Amino acid sequence: MSTAPPPGTPLVQGPGPSELRDPVIRKELKRAAVWLGLAGAMALVVLLIQPLLIIFGGLVFASMLDGGVRLLGRVLPLPRGWRLMIVVLLTIAFIGGVIFMTGVQVADQFAELRVTLTAQADRIFAWANEHGMMPGPADMNALLQQALGSFGRLTSFVGTAAGALASGLMIVVIGLFVAIEPRIYERGLEWLVPSDMRAEWAITMDRMAHTMRRLLAGRLLGMLVEGVLIWLALWLAGVPMALLLGIITGMLAFIPNIGALISGVLMVAVGFSAGQEQGIWAIIIYFAIQNFDGYVVIPMIAKNTVDMPPALTLSSQILASTLFGVLGLALADPLIAMIKVALERGSEAALGDAEPGGGRDEGRAT
């Protein structure tokens, strides 16, 4: 049986472990809140990665437009809105002009390409059947049942294609809105940053934007060079549909690795459809131009645009494609370049290497 303390016994002094007045408890709660906040932010990024990639893709498209606006501003002293309208109209006119001037030829070549690929596939199946590599009737029935049972996968693929089209449309819309009035979004981001860090934030954002514009300009130049070289080389070698293959190669060059593989398969298939000699020339042209583009053109462009090591670029593309799919692969280079700029600026700020934001005023004026 407990007994009460004798009268006059002094009580325990100081806050208890459950009281927030204790500075130790408050300090530990702050630490726990920071770690829980980081964990929650990481979970949100994982859950919302696709919308975030779409938004980032819109920013990449806006950087392309902004680069054209700044380039046009060197020769035309017009307000930014007028220059942006000119860039958009020139882009639409270029695409429309290419379609108009080569529309009939490209349409015929697309139809011919479909027929050629179908004929090549039939030849491969016939060769496999002659060598006993094709499945028998029982196996074909099983494959047919599996195909019928995978109808849901087909509808899922159609839904994925529609979703990709919608994502592309959203990227274009977001890019246009950001390019029209970028300062609104810059002020919004600055407002989220503590006031004592806004100067450093502004410098970092300016460097990121500058790096993004140079990176995308280099990529577009590489796409143009590769497409033109493929077109001219295939045309000189007598490979049919050289113009169409050049256009497809240039467009697929925006997606690293996968784009080159797809264009190479199409090129070789079309080459062998015209004859063994053209097929061999297609293989030689593919490897020669891919090596020239990979070891000469791309390094020269990268050296004059963004200082990114090739191993870092390739590793980021592998990780992004594995984690986020084709969209992540297409945006891997800009994403890693932005992270690199942020880390470099953070290390400079930590070493006390502050610099004035003189370039920011010029960026706002344009």
Protein backbone atom coordinates (compact mmCIF):
# COMPACT_ATOMS: atom_id res chain seq x y z
CA MET A 1 0.00 0.00 0.00
CA SER A 2 1.40 3.35 -1.13
CA THR A 3 1.84 6.08 1.38
CA ALA A 4 1.56 9.79 0.72
CA PRO A 5 4.79 11.79 0.90
CA PRO A 6 5.31 13.49 4.19
CA PRO A 7 4.27 17.11 4.38
CA GLY A 8 6.91 19.55 3.19
CA THR A 9 8.56 17.10 0.73
CA PRO A 10 9.71 19.09 -2.35
CA LEU A 11 8.05 18.14 -5.69
CA VAL A 12 9.90 17.25 -8.91
CA GLN A 13 10.92 20.39 -10.75
CA GLY A 14 11.17 21.01 -14.54
CA PRO A 15 8.90 20.05 -17.44
CA GLY A 16 7.93 16.44 -17.95
CA PRO A 17 8.74 14.36 -21.04
CA SER A 18 5.22 14.89 -22.43
CA GLU A 19 5.35 18.70 -22.20
CA LEU A 20 6.26 20.72 -25.30
CA ARG A 21 7.92 23.35 -23.16
CA ASP A 22 10.94 21.11 -22.95
CA PRO A 23 13.48 22.46 -25.51
CA VAL A 24 14.83 18.96 -26.12
CA ILE A 25 11.39 17.65 -27.07
CA ARG A 26 10.74 20.62 -29.32
CA LYS A 27 14.08 20.08 -31.04
CA GLU A 28 13.40 16.38 -31.60
CA LEU A 29 9.90 17.12 -32.89
CA LYS A 30 11.33 19.56 -35.40
CA ARG A 31 13.77 16.92 -36.61
CA ALA A 32 11.01 14.35 -36.89
CA ALA A 33 8.81 16.81 -38.80
CA VAL A 34 11.62 17.46 -41.28
CA TRP A 35 12.19 13.78 -41.94
CA LEU A 36 8.47 13.04 -42.17
CA GLY A 37 8.08 15.95 -44.56
CA LEU A 38 10.87 14.64 -46.78
CA ALA A 39 9.35 11.16 -46.76
CA GLY A 40 5.94 12.59 -47.67
CA ALA A 41 7.45 14.69 -50.47
CA MET A 42 9.22 11.64 -51.90
CA ALA A 43 6.00 9.63 -51.76
CA LEU A 44 4.12 12.40 -53.56
CA VAL A 45 6.80 12.56 -56.26
CA VAL A 46 6.51 8.79 -56.82
CA LEU A 47 2.71 8.94 -56.98
CA LEU A 48 2.59 12.03 -59.20
CA ILE A 49 5.60 11.31 -61.42
CA GLN A 50 3.63 11.19 -64.69
CA PRO A 51 1.90 14.58 -64.18
CA LEU A 52 5.21 16.05 -63.05
CA LEU A 53 6.92 14.76 -66.21
CA ILE A 54 4.15 16.30 -68.33
CA ILE A 55 4.66 19.64 -66.58
CA PHE A 56 8.42 19.38 -67.06
CA GLY A 57 7.85 18.52 -70.72
CA GLY A 58 5.79 21.70 -71.01
CA LEU A 59 8.70 23.67 -69.54
CA VAL A 60 11.05 22.04 -72.07
CA PHE A 61 8.74 23.06 -74.92
CA ALA A 62 8.52 26.57 -73.47
CA SER A 63 12.33 26.73 -73.43
CA MET A 64 12.37 25.85 -77.14
CA LEU A 65 9.97 28.68 -77.88
CA ASP A 66 11.88 31.05 -75.61
CA GLY A 67 15.12 30.21 -77.39
CA GLY A 68 13.52 31.10 -80.71
CA VAL A 69 12.14 34.33 -79.24
CA ARG A 70 15.56 35.37 -77.92
CA LEU A 71 17.26 34.47 -81.20
CA LEU A 72 14.71 36.50 -83.14
CA GLY A 73 15.18 39.40 -80.73
CA ARG A 74 18.76 39.82 -81.96
CA VAL A 75 17.52 40.92 -85.39
CA LEU A 76 14.02 42.25 -84.69
CA PRO A 77 13.60 44.78 -81.86
CA LEU A 78 9.95 43.89 -81.25
CA PRO A 79 8.06 43.20 -78.00
CA ARG A 80 8.26 39.65 -76.69
CA GLY A 81 4.64 38.84 -77.52
CA TRP A 82 5.09 39.70 -81.18
CA ARG A 83 8.30 37.70 -81.42
CA LEU A 84 6.64 34.68 -79.82
CA MET A 85 3.78 34.90 -82.30
CA ILE A 86 6.27 35.05 -85.16
CA VAL A 87 8.12 31.98 -83.85
CA VAL A 88 4.88 29.99 -83.52
CA LEU A 89 3.69 31.05 -86.98
CA LEU A 90 7.06 30.22 -88.53
CA THR A 91 7.00 26.79 -86.90
CA ILE A 92 3.50 26.09 -88.17
CA ALA A 93 4.44 27.44 -91.62
CA PHE A 94 7.55 25.24 -91.75
CA ILE A 95 5.65 22.10 -90.83
CA GLY A 96 2.84 22.98 -93.22
CA GLY A 97 5.29 23.80 -96.01
CA VAL A 98 7.11 20.50 -95.62
CA ILE A 99 3.81 18.63 -95.68
CA PHE A 100 2.59 20.62 -98.70
CA MET A 101 5.77 20.30 -100.75
CA THR A 102 6.43 16.66 -99.92
CA GLY A 103 2.94 15.62 -98.94
CA VAL A 104 2.14 13.54 -101.99
CA GLN A 105 5.57 11.97 -102.06
CA VAL A 106 5.61 11.27 -98.32
CA ALA A 107 2.07 9.85 -98.41
CA ASP A 108 3.02 7.55 -101.28
CA GLN A 109 6.18 6.54 -99.46
CA PHE A 110 4.22 5.81 -96.27
CA ALA A 111 1.94 3.50 -98.23
CA GLU A 112 4.95 1.93 -99.92
CA LEU A 113 6.67 1.56 -96.56
CA ARG A 114 3.68 -0.32 -95.15
CA VAL A 115 3.60 -2.66 -98.16
CA THR A 116 7.37 -3.15 -97.96
CA LEU A 117 7.35 -4.01 -94.26
CA THR A 118 4.45 -6.42 -94.79
CA ALA A 119 6.30 -8.15 -97.64
CA GLN A 120 9.47 -8.40 -95.57
CA ALA A 121 7.53 -9.91 -92.67
CA ASP A 122 5.93 -12.45 -95.02
CA ARG A 123 9.36 -13.41 -96.34
CA ILE A 124 10.65 -13.91 -92.80
CA PHE A 125 7.65 -16.08 -91.87
CA ALA A 126 8.04 -18.13 -95.07
CA TRP A 127 11.74 -18.68 -94.37
CA ALA A 128 10.96 -19.73 -90.79
CA ASN A 129 8.24 -22.11 -92.05
CA GLU A 130 10.64 -23.75 -94.52
CA HIS A 131 13.14 -24.42 -91.75
CA GLY A 132 10.56 -25.82 -89.34
CA MET A 133 10.62 -22.85 -87.03
CA MET A 134 6.91 -22.02 -87.27
CA PRO A 135 4.47 -23.57 -84.79
CA GLY A 136 2.09 -26.34 -85.85
CA PRO A 137 -1.73 -26.18 -86.05
CA ALA A 138 -2.18 -27.09 -82.39
CA ASP A 139 0.25 -24.42 -81.34
CA MET A 140 -1.45 -21.92 -83.63
CA ASN A 141 -4.80 -22.67 -81.98
CA ALA A 142 -3.25 -22.07 -78.58
CA LEU A 143 -1.71 -18.83 -79.79
CA LEU A 144 -5.07 -17.77 -81.23
CA GLN A 145 -6.78 -18.43 -77.91
CA GLN A 146 -4.14 -16.41 -76.12
CA ALA A 147 -4.56 -13.60 -78.62
CA LEU A 148 -8.31 -13.59 -78.12
CA GLY A 149 -7.83 -13.70 -74.39
CA SER A 150 -5.52 -10.69 -74.55
CA PHE A 151 -8.15 -8.43 -76.10
CA GLY A 152 -8.13 -6.42 -72.89
CA ARG A 153 -4.44 -5.74 -73.42
CA LEU A 154 -5.23 -4.40 -76.89
CA THR A 155 -7.82 -2.01 -75.51
CA SER A 156 -5.33 -1.03 -72.82
CA PHE A 157 -2.77 -0.26 -75.53
CA VAL A 158 -5.31 1.87 -77.38
CA GLY A 159 -6.03 3.72 -74.15
CA THR A 160 -2.31 4.21 -73.62
CA ALA A 161 -1.93 5.64 -77.12
CA ALA A 162 -4.83 8.02 -76.51
CA GLY A 163 -3.28 9.01 -73.20
CA ALA A 164 0.05 9.68 -74.91
CA LEU A 165 -1.70 11.92 -77.44
CA ALA A 166 -3.46 13.79 -74.64
CA SER A 167 -0.17 14.13 -72.75
CA GLY A 168 1.50 15.59 -75.83
CA LEU A 169 -1.32 18.08 -76.24
CA MET A 170 -1.03 19.12 -72.59
CA ILE A 171 2.73 19.58 -72.99
CA VAL A 172 2.16 21.91 -75.94
CA VAL A 173 -0.53 23.90 -74.11
CA ILE A 174 1.55 24.26 -70.94
CA GLY A 175 4.58 25.29 -72.98
CA LEU A 176 2.61 27.96 -74.84
CA PHE A 177 1.17 29.44 -71.64
CA VAL A 178 4.58 29.54 -69.95
CA ALA A 179 6.27 31.03 -73.02
CA ILE A 180 3.64 33.77 -73.31
CA GLU A 181 4.25 35.21 -69.83
CA PRO A 182 7.15 33.44 -68.08
CA ARG A 183 7.63 36.16 -65.47
CA ILE A 184 4.29 35.29 -63.81
CA TYR A 185 5.47 31.77 -63.05
CA GLU A 186 8.92 33.00 -61.99
CA ARG A 187 7.31 35.31 -59.42
CA GLY A 188 5.10 32.49 -58.19
CA LEU A 189 8.10 30.23 -57.62
CA GLU A 190 10.04 33.03 -55.94
CA TRP A 191 7.13 33.62 -53.58
CA LEU A 192 7.41 30.02 -52.36
CA VAL A 193 11.09 30.52 -51.47
CA PRO A 194 12.14 32.19 -48.17
CA SER A 195 12.91 35.88 -48.68
CA ASP A 196 16.55 35.57 -47.63
CA MET A 197 17.19 32.93 -50.34
CA ARG A 198 15.38 34.53 -53.27
CA ALA A 199 18.51 36.13 -54.73
CA GLU A 200 20.28 32.77 -54.93
CA TRP A 201 17.09 31.17 -56.27
CA ALA A 202 16.87 33.78 -59.04
CA ILE A 203 20.47 33.17 -60.12
CA THR A 204 19.93 29.40 -60.13
CA MET A 205 16.75 29.71 -62.19
CA ASP A 206 18.50 31.93 -64.73
CA ARG A 207 21.32 29.43 -65.10
CA MET A 208 18.85 26.56 -65.48
CA ALA A 209 16.94 28.40 -68.19
CA HIS A 210 20.14 29.28 -70.04
CA THR A 211 21.36 25.68 -69.87
CA MET A 212 18.01 24.35 -71.03
CA ARG A 213 17.96 26.62 -74.08
CA ARG A 214 21.49 25.63 -75.10
CA LEU A 215 20.80 21.93 -74.55
CA LEU A 216 17.64 21.96 -76.66
CA ALA A 217 19.27 24.03 -79.39
CA GLY A 218 22.03 21.45 -79.61
CA ARG A 219 19.55 18.59 -79.72
CA LEU A 220 17.53 20.20 -82.51
CA LEU A 221 20.71 20.85 -84.48
CA GLY A 222 21.74 17.21 -84.05
CA MET A 223 18.33 16.03 -85.25
CA LEU A 224 18.59 18.23 -88.34
CA VAL A 225 22.12 17.07 -89.18
CA GLU A 226 21.28 13.39 -88.74
CA GLY A 227 18.08 13.58 -90.80
CA VAL A 228 19.74 15.43 -93.68
CA LEU A 229 22.75 13.10 -93.75
CA ILE A 230 20.55 9.99 -93.76
CA TRP A 231 18.40 11.41 -96.55
CA LEU A 232 21.34 12.37 -98.79
CA ALA A 233 23.27 9.13 -98.18
CA LEU A 234 20.26 6.88 -98.87
CA TRP A 235 19.36 8.91 -101.95
CA LEU A 236 22.89 8.57 -103.34
CA ALA A 237 22.88 4.82 -102.59
CA GLY A 238 19.62 4.31 -104.47
CA VAL A 239 17.63 3.22 -101.43
CA PRO A 240 13.91 3.96 -101.94
CA MET A 241 11.94 6.29 -99.67
CA ALA A 242 15.11 8.19 -98.72
CA LEU A 243 13.22 11.40 -97.91
CA LEU A 244 10.72 9.65 -95.66
CA LEU A 245 13.45 7.71 -93.86
CA GLY A 246 15.41 10.92 -93.34
CA ILE A 247 12.36 12.66 -91.83
CA ILE A 248 11.60 9.68 -89.57
CA THR A 249 15.24 9.42 -88.46
CA GLY A 250 15.45 13.12 -87.66
CA MET A 251 12.24 13.06 -85.64
CA LEU A 252 13.14 9.87 -83.75
CA ALA A 253 16.57 11.30 -82.91
CA PHE A 254 14.85 13.34 -80.17
CA ILE A 255 14.39 10.07 -78.24
CA PRO A 256 17.90 8.77 -77.45
CA ASN A 257 18.90 5.17 -78.22
CA ILE A 258 15.41 3.84 -78.93
CA GLY A 259 14.83 6.29 -81.77
CA ALA A 260 18.08 5.29 -83.49
CA LEU A 261 17.24 1.59 -83.15
CA ILE A 262 13.76 1.98 -84.66
CA SER A 263 14.99 4.11 -87.55
CA GLY A 264 17.79 1.62 -88.22
CA VAL A 265 15.39 -1.32 -88.43
CA LEU A 266 13.15 0.58 -90.85
CA MET A 267 16.11 1.67 -92.96
CA VAL A 268 17.54 -1.84 -93.31
CA ALA A 269 14.12 -3.37 -94.05
CA VAL A 270 13.44 -0.87 -96.82
CA GLY A 271 16.96 -1.29 -98.20
CA PHE A 272 16.68 -5.07 -98.56
CA SER A 273 13.25 -4.71 -100.14
CA ALA A 274 14.94 -2.98 -103.08
CA GLY A 275 17.73 -5.52 -103.36
CA GLN A 276 20.67 -7.03 -101.56
CA GLU A 277 23.04 -4.27 -102.63
CA GLN A 278 20.73 -1.52 -101.34
CA GLY A 279 20.25 -3.45 -98.10
CA ILE A 280 24.00 -3.66 -97.53
CA TRP A 281 24.35 0.04 -98.33
CA ALA A 282 21.56 0.81 -95.83
CA ILE A 283 23.44 -1.07 -93.10
CA ILE A 284 26.71 0.72 -93.93
CA ILE A 285 25.01 4.13 -94.03
CA TYR A 286 23.21 3.52 -90.75
CA PHE A 287 26.33 2.55 -88.80
CA ALA A 288 28.53 5.18 -90.49
CA ILE A 289 26.18 8.09 -89.81
CA GLN A 290 25.26 6.90 -86.32
CA ASN A 291 28.95 6.66 -85.40
CA PHE A 292 29.71 10.02 -87.03
CA ASP A 293 26.78 11.60 -85.24
CA GLY A 294 27.62 9.93 -81.92
CA TYR A 295 31.38 10.51 -81.92
CA VAL A 296 31.74 13.77 -83.88
CA VAL A 297 28.53 15.80 -84.11
CA ILE A 298 27.04 15.17 -80.66
CA PRO A 299 30.32 15.70 -78.73
CA MET A 300 30.99 18.93 -80.62
CA ILE A 301 27.46 20.17 -79.91
CA ALA A 302 27.65 19.07 -76.26
CA LYS A 303 31.02 20.77 -75.82
CA ASN A 304 29.61 24.07 -77.05
CA THR A 305 26.26 23.80 -75.24
CA VAL A 306 26.20 21.79 -71.99
CA ASP A 307 29.17 20.21 -70.23
CA MET A 308 27.69 16.77 -69.52
CA PRO A 309 29.92 13.65 -69.49
CA PRO A 310 28.74 10.94 -71.93
CA ALA A 311 28.66 8.25 -69.23
CA LEU A 312 26.41 10.43 -67.05
CA THR A 313 24.10 11.08 -69.98
CA LEU A 314 23.81 7.40 -70.91
CA SER A 315 23.31 6.30 -67.29
CA SER A 316 20.57 8.88 -66.76
CA GLN A 317 18.82 7.73 -69.93
CA ILE A 318 18.90 4.10 -68.78
CA LEU A 319 17.54 4.95 -65.33
CA ALA A 320 14.87 7.33 -66.65
CA SER A 321 13.64 4.87 -69.26
CA THR A 322 13.46 2.07 -66.68
CA LEU A 323 11.62 4.18 -64.10
CA PHE A 324 9.44 6.46 -66.22
CA GLY A 325 9.19 4.92 -69.70
CA VAL A 326 9.57 6.66 -73.05
CA LEU A 327 8.64 10.09 -71.68
CA GLY A 328 11.32 9.80 -69.02
CA LEU A 329 13.86 8.75 -71.67
CA ALA A 330 13.03 11.76 -73.84
CA LEU A 331 13.34 14.15 -70.88
CA ALA A 332 16.34 12.50 -69.20
CA ASP A 333 18.96 14.88 -70.61
CA PRO A 334 17.15 18.13 -69.67
CA LEU A 335 16.32 16.76 -66.22
CA ILE A 336 19.90 15.74 -65.43
CA ALA A 337 21.19 19.05 -66.81
CA MET A 338 18.87 20.97 -64.46
CA ILE A 339 19.95 18.87 -61.47
CA LYS A 340 23.60 19.42 -62.42
CA VAL A 341 23.13 23.20 -62.59
CA ALA A 342 21.34 23.24 -59.22
CA LEU A 343 24.09 21.19 -57.54
CA GLU A 344 26.83 23.35 -59.03
CA ARG A 345 25.13 26.54 -57.88
CA GLY A 346 24.55 25.06 -54.42
CA SER A 347 28.25 24.23 -54.07
CA GLU A 348 29.20 27.73 -55.21
CA ALA A 349 26.83 29.29 -52.70
CA ALA A 350 28.22 27.06 -49.95
CA LEU A 351 31.73 28.27 -50.76
CA GLY A 352 30.59 31.87 -50.66
CA ASP A 353 30.97 32.42 -54.40
CA ALA A 354 28.07 34.83 -54.76
CA GLU A 355 27.65 36.75 -57.98
CA PRO A 356 25.33 39.60 -59.05
CA GLY A 357 22.21 38.71 -60.99
CA GLY A 358 22.95 40.98 -63.91
CA GLY A 359 21.76 38.43 -66.49
CA ARG A 360 18.35 38.34 -64.87
CA ASP A 361 17.47 41.89 -65.85
CA GLU A 362 18.36 41.09 -69.45
CA GLY A 363 16.23 37.97 -69.31
CA ARG A 364 13.26 39.93 -68.02
CA ALA A 365 13.65 42.56 -70.71
CA THR A 366 13.47 39.99 -73.44
